[in-house]
Protein backbone atom coordinates (compact mmCIF):
# COMPACT_ATOMS: atom_id res chain seq x y z
CA MET A 1 -8.20 5.12 -17.77
CA PRO A 2 -9.38 4.10 -14.34
CA LYS A 3 -12.51 4.79 -12.64
CA LEU A 4 -10.82 5.46 -8.99
CA PRO A 5 -8.02 7.42 -8.15
CA GLY A 6 -4.78 5.97 -6.77
CA ILE A 7 -5.13 6.10 -2.83
CA SER A 8 -3.02 5.57 0.35
CA ALA A 9 -3.63 2.10 2.11
CA GLN A 10 -4.54 4.07 5.32
CA GLU A 11 -7.11 6.11 3.26
CA ALA A 12 -8.60 2.72 1.67
CA VAL A 13 -8.77 1.51 5.49
CA ARG A 14 -10.92 4.43 6.53
CA VAL A 15 -13.24 3.95 3.54
CA LEU A 16 -13.58 0.14 4.06
CA SER A 17 -14.32 0.91 7.61
CA LYS A 18 -17.20 3.12 6.97
CA ILE A 19 -19.05 0.07 5.58
CA GLY A 20 -18.38 -2.18 8.05
CA PHE A 21 -14.90 -3.57 7.40
CA ARG A 22 -12.86 -4.40 10.60
CA VAL A 23 -8.65 -5.06 10.19
CA ILE A 24 -7.97 -8.61 11.04
CA ARG A 25 -4.20 -8.64 10.40
CA GLU A 26 -1.49 -6.11 9.54
CA GLY A 27 2.20 -6.79 7.76
CA LYS A 28 3.03 -6.55 4.45
CA HIS A 29 -0.46 -6.23 3.27
CA ILE A 30 -3.61 -5.32 5.53
CA VAL A 31 -6.15 -7.98 5.87
CA MET A 32 -9.87 -6.85 6.29
CA SER A 33 -13.56 -8.37 7.12
CA ASP A 34 -17.00 -7.62 7.17
CA GLY A 35 -17.39 -10.90 8.69
CA MET A 36 -18.25 -12.48 5.29
CA VAL A 37 -16.09 -10.83 2.80
CA ARG A 38 -12.12 -10.89 3.28
CA VAL A 39 -10.29 -8.08 1.22
CA THR A 40 -6.57 -7.86 1.36
CA LEU A 41 -4.97 -4.10 0.99
CA PRO A 42 -1.11 -4.08 -0.42
CA ARG A 43 0.96 -1.41 1.92
CA ALA A 44 1.60 0.91 -1.18
CA ASN A 45 1.40 4.70 -1.43
CA PRO A 46 -0.66 4.82 -3.70
CA ILE A 47 -2.30 2.06 -4.27
CA ASN A 48 -2.43 1.34 -7.75
CA ALA A 49 -5.66 2.65 -9.32
CA PHE A 50 -6.58 -0.94 -11.04
CA THR A 51 -5.68 -2.73 -7.89
CA MET A 52 -8.01 -0.43 -5.71
CA GLY A 53 -11.05 -0.81 -8.33
CA ALA A 54 -10.67 -4.81 -7.80
CA ILE A 55 -10.47 -4.37 -3.92
CA ALA A 56 -13.65 -1.99 -4.34
CA ARG A 57 -15.39 -4.62 -6.30
CA ASP A 58 -14.63 -7.20 -4.18
CA ALA A 59 -16.14 -5.01 -1.05
CA GLY A 60 -19.22 -4.87 -3.04
CA LEU A 61 -18.91 -1.22 -4.01
CA SER A 62 -19.08 0.23 -7.49
CA PRO A 63 -16.69 2.73 -8.43
CA GLU A 64 -19.07 5.53 -7.96
CA GLU A 65 -20.00 4.36 -4.62
CA PHE A 66 -16.30 4.20 -3.60
CA ARG A 67 -15.54 7.71 -4.78
CA LYS A 68 -18.31 9.09 -2.38
CA LEU A 69 -16.96 7.33 0.68
CA LEU A 70 -13.49 9.18 0.16
């Protein structure tokens, strides 16, 4: 069972914005960066829980830290 819930792309953008990520480009995917790390979010509703877990890990967050920011 995944440790993160499936959430919408807009909710994921909101969470990543809290830790300093900004939207660079939008299209079929949303690309965000904090100046060092770049993450790509699919425009799915909801984003698959396993995909969201990988995105959170790439952004430097543990599942618990990501869940607290929701």
